[in-house]
Structure formats: structure tokens, C-alpha cells
Amino acid sequence: MTATIFESPRELIGKEGTVLGPSDWLTVDQGMIDGFANVTGDHQWIHVDTERAKDGPFGATIAHGYLTLSLTNLFMPSMIDVRRFVSGLNIGANKLRFLNPVRCGSRIRGVGEILSVEEVANGAAIQAIIRVTVEIEGEDKPACVVEAITRYFPED
């Protein structure tokens, strides 16, 4: 799917309720999970021990919740394309929930919705809150839902 384009951050104003995406599907494989474990030091068996995890509660290893969350940054540019800004900052997140584990080999994608947009920093920036839902192919319940907060500093 093609990203929704906004020619400037100010074009986001009044676009609350706009649905973004979905992104392309991404397969979460063991290499990705192991790489995240190595970076974070979280080598819990449920993530990295494929043999033991076969007999575990999910029948396979699962992605770390924070790996799933971090992939929202990969999905975001394929859902929304904001142009003509000097810089953009990740301000944080609201209401993060991990609702369903991502089993190794699963395909996931992001779907967004613009929740709020406001001028901040005395009008020097536009701040948007976008709810990103990480869907798992074939599952009714999403893996993760987060309200991502981004601040754009327009060129104009």
C-alpha cells in the first residue's frame, strides 16, 4: 500500500480519524529475534531456545514485546509520508499494550490512525499522536497497540 502523503506537517491539522496503511507484511524470523536478544541482553528461553520453546506455552519462540514495538518505526514510513520539515522527533508513546505474542515465523504489519494533531512550541512544531496497531496475519487479536507521539518542525 502507498503511504498517505502530507505535503507539510501543517496539513496534518484537522486530519484526526484518518486511517493510515496498512504497511506491507513482515516475517518475524528467529534471526531477527536473536539479534534483538543480543542487543538488549534478553536471552529468555521463550525467545531464543527453539527446542525448549516447542514444548512451551506458545509452541515456538516468540518475539520480544519491545521488538514488536520497535518495528512500528519500520512500518510508519510506509503508512504516512510527511514532507517539508526540518526535523522530526519521536517524543514518546501513550497507552502501550502487548495483546498477543508474535510467534517466530509469523507475519505482522502496521495499521495507523491519526488520533490528534496540535501546534506546540509556540506554533514552531506540529505534534501528532498516531495509534499504531500491529496485526498478526491470521489472528483476530493484534500483537501490539501503541499511541506514537511525533513532533515535526516545518520548513515554513
Protein backbone atom coordinates (compact mmCIF):
# COMPACT_ATOMS: atom_id res chain seq x y z
CA MET A 1 0.00 0.00 0.00
CA THR A 2 1.14 3.54 -0.67
CA ALA A 3 1.72 5.87 2.26
CA THR A 4 -0.72 8.72 2.85
CA ILE A 5 1.15 11.86 1.82
CA PHE A 6 1.04 15.18 3.65
CA GLU A 7 2.94 17.89 1.78
CA SER A 8 3.79 19.63 5.08
CA PRO A 9 3.29 18.94 8.78
CA ARG A 10 0.61 21.65 8.90
CA GLU A 11 -1.52 19.55 6.53
CA LEU A 12 -1.95 17.09 9.41
CA ILE A 13 -4.10 19.63 11.28
CA GLY A 14 -7.73 18.56 11.17
CA LYS A 15 -6.93 15.07 9.89
CA GLU A 16 -7.86 13.26 13.10
CA GLY A 17 -9.55 9.95 12.30
CA THR A 18 -7.54 9.39 9.10
CA VAL A 19 -6.65 5.72 8.74
CA LEU A 20 -3.09 5.01 7.61
CA GLY A 21 -1.83 1.86 5.96
CA PRO A 22 -1.71 -0.99 6.24
CA SER A 23 2.03 -1.43 5.78
CA ASP A 24 3.46 -4.40 3.92
CA TRP A 25 3.68 -7.69 5.79
CA LEU A 26 6.94 -8.51 7.56
CA THR A 27 8.01 -12.01 8.60
CA VAL A 28 9.47 -12.17 12.10
CA ASP A 29 12.14 -14.87 11.95
CA GLN A 30 14.50 -16.35 14.52
CA GLY A 31 17.44 -14.30 13.26
CA MET A 32 15.53 -11.10 13.98
CA ILE A 33 14.53 -12.35 17.45
CA ASP A 34 18.09 -13.49 18.25
CA GLY A 35 19.51 -10.19 17.03
CA PHE A 36 17.17 -8.26 19.32
CA ALA A 37 18.12 -10.57 22.21
CA ASN A 38 21.80 -9.84 21.58
CA VAL A 39 21.27 -6.08 21.51
CA THR A 40 19.12 -5.99 24.65
CA GLY A 41 20.67 -8.85 26.63
CA ASP A 42 17.24 -10.51 26.97
CA HIS A 43 18.01 -14.14 26.20
CA GLN A 44 15.00 -15.66 27.98
CA TRP A 45 14.37 -19.16 26.61
CA ILE A 46 10.89 -18.26 25.33
CA HIS A 47 12.65 -16.05 22.77
CA VAL A 48 15.87 -17.86 21.86
CA ASP A 49 15.68 -21.57 22.73
CA THR A 50 13.80 -23.05 19.78
CA GLU A 51 13.85 -26.63 21.12
CA ARG A 52 12.60 -25.77 24.60
CA ALA A 53 10.01 -23.33 23.22
CA LYS A 54 8.39 -26.12 21.16
CA ASP A 55 7.09 -27.51 24.47
CA GLY A 56 6.37 -24.06 25.92
CA PRO A 57 3.05 -22.23 26.13
CA PHE A 58 3.17 -20.97 22.51
CA GLY A 59 4.67 -23.97 20.68
CA ALA A 60 7.50 -21.86 19.29
CA THR A 61 9.75 -18.99 20.26
CA ILE A 62 8.10 -15.59 20.38
CA ALA A 63 9.32 -12.11 19.59
CA HIS A 64 10.14 -9.81 22.46
CA GLY A 65 7.33 -7.32 23.06
CA TYR A 66 9.76 -4.46 22.63
CA LEU A 67 10.95 -5.92 19.33
CA THR A 68 7.35 -5.80 18.13
CA LEU A 69 7.04 -2.23 19.40
CA SER A 70 10.28 -1.17 17.72
CA LEU A 71 9.00 -2.44 14.37
CA THR A 72 6.32 0.24 14.41
CA ASN A 73 9.14 2.61 13.39
CA LEU A 74 9.72 0.40 10.34
CA PHE A 75 6.00 0.40 9.46
CA MET A 76 5.37 4.13 9.99
CA PRO A 77 7.06 5.48 6.80
CA SER A 78 5.04 3.08 4.64
CA MET A 79 1.83 4.34 6.25
CA ILE A 80 2.47 8.10 6.41
CA ASP A 81 4.77 10.37 4.42
CA VAL A 82 5.06 13.86 5.91
CA ARG A 83 7.12 16.20 3.76
CA ARG A 84 8.86 19.58 4.07
CA PHE A 85 10.01 19.51 7.65
CA VAL A 86 13.40 20.43 9.09
CA SER A 87 13.37 17.70 11.71
CA GLY A 88 11.06 15.18 13.27
CA LEU A 89 11.32 13.88 16.81
CA ASN A 90 9.97 10.77 18.46
CA ILE A 91 8.53 12.27 21.66
CA GLY A 92 7.34 9.01 23.22
CA ALA A 93 4.24 6.88 23.44
CA ASN A 94 0.91 6.61 25.23
CA LYS A 95 -1.14 3.55 26.14
CA LEU A 96 1.21 0.80 25.05
CA ARG A 97 -0.27 -2.69 25.23
CA PHE A 98 1.06 -6.09 24.19
CA LEU A 99 -2.05 -8.14 23.46
CA ASN A 100 -0.88 -11.25 21.61
CA PRO A 101 2.54 -12.88 21.25
CA VAL A 102 4.23 -12.91 17.87
CA ARG A 103 5.36 -16.47 17.20
CA CYS A 104 8.54 -16.98 15.20
CA GLY A 105 7.66 -17.20 11.52
CA SER A 106 4.54 -15.03 11.86
CA ARG A 107 3.86 -12.15 9.51
CA ILE A 108 2.96 -8.81 11.01
CA ARG A 109 2.02 -5.38 9.66
CA GLY A 110 1.10 -1.96 10.96
CA VAL A 111 -2.16 -0.05 10.62
CA GLY A 112 -2.39 3.52 11.87
CA GLU A 113 -4.94 6.13 12.78
CA ILE A 114 -4.27 9.80 13.43
CA LEU A 115 -5.71 10.47 16.90
CA SER A 116 -4.72 14.08 17.49
CA VAL A 117 -2.73 16.89 15.93
CA GLU A 118 -1.79 20.18 17.57
CA GLU A 119 0.60 23.08 17.26
CA VAL A 120 3.19 23.07 20.04
CA ALA A 121 6.33 25.05 20.96
CA ASN A 122 4.55 28.36 20.31
CA GLY A 123 3.49 27.19 16.85
CA ALA A 124 7.02 26.18 15.82
CA ALA A 125 6.11 22.49 15.65
CA ILE A 126 3.23 20.18 14.84
CA GLN A 127 2.71 17.25 17.17
CA ALA A 128 0.75 14.21 16.03
CA ILE A 129 -0.39 11.20 18.01
CA ILE A 130 -0.86 8.17 15.79
CA ARG A 131 -2.24 4.91 17.12
CA VAL A 132 -0.34 2.05 15.52
CA THR A 133 -1.86 -1.41 15.70
CA VAL A 134 0.47 -4.30 14.87
CA GLU A 135 -1.62 -7.03 13.30
CA ILE A 136 -0.63 -10.69 13.07
CA GLU A 137 -1.66 -12.45 9.89
CA GLY A 138 -4.43 -14.95 10.60
CA GLU A 139 -5.03 -13.74 14.17
CA ASP A 140 -8.07 -11.85 15.44
CA LYS A 141 -6.18 -10.13 18.24
CA PRO A 142 -3.33 -7.72 17.42
CA ALA A 143 0.17 -8.13 18.79
CA CYS A 144 0.59 -4.57 19.99
CA VAL A 145 -1.23 -1.25 20.11
CA VAL A 146 0.64 1.98 20.83
CA GLU A 147 -0.05 5.69 20.54
CA ALA A 148 3.14 7.08 19.00
CA ILE A 149 3.87 10.78 19.51
CA THR A 150 5.84 12.57 16.79
CA ARG A 151 6.80 16.23 16.65
CA TYR A 152 7.54 17.80 13.25
CA PHE A 153 9.32 21.12 12.78
CA PRO A 154 8.04 22.51 9.44
CA GLU A 155 10.28 24.24 6.91
CA ASP A 156 7.85 27.16 6.69
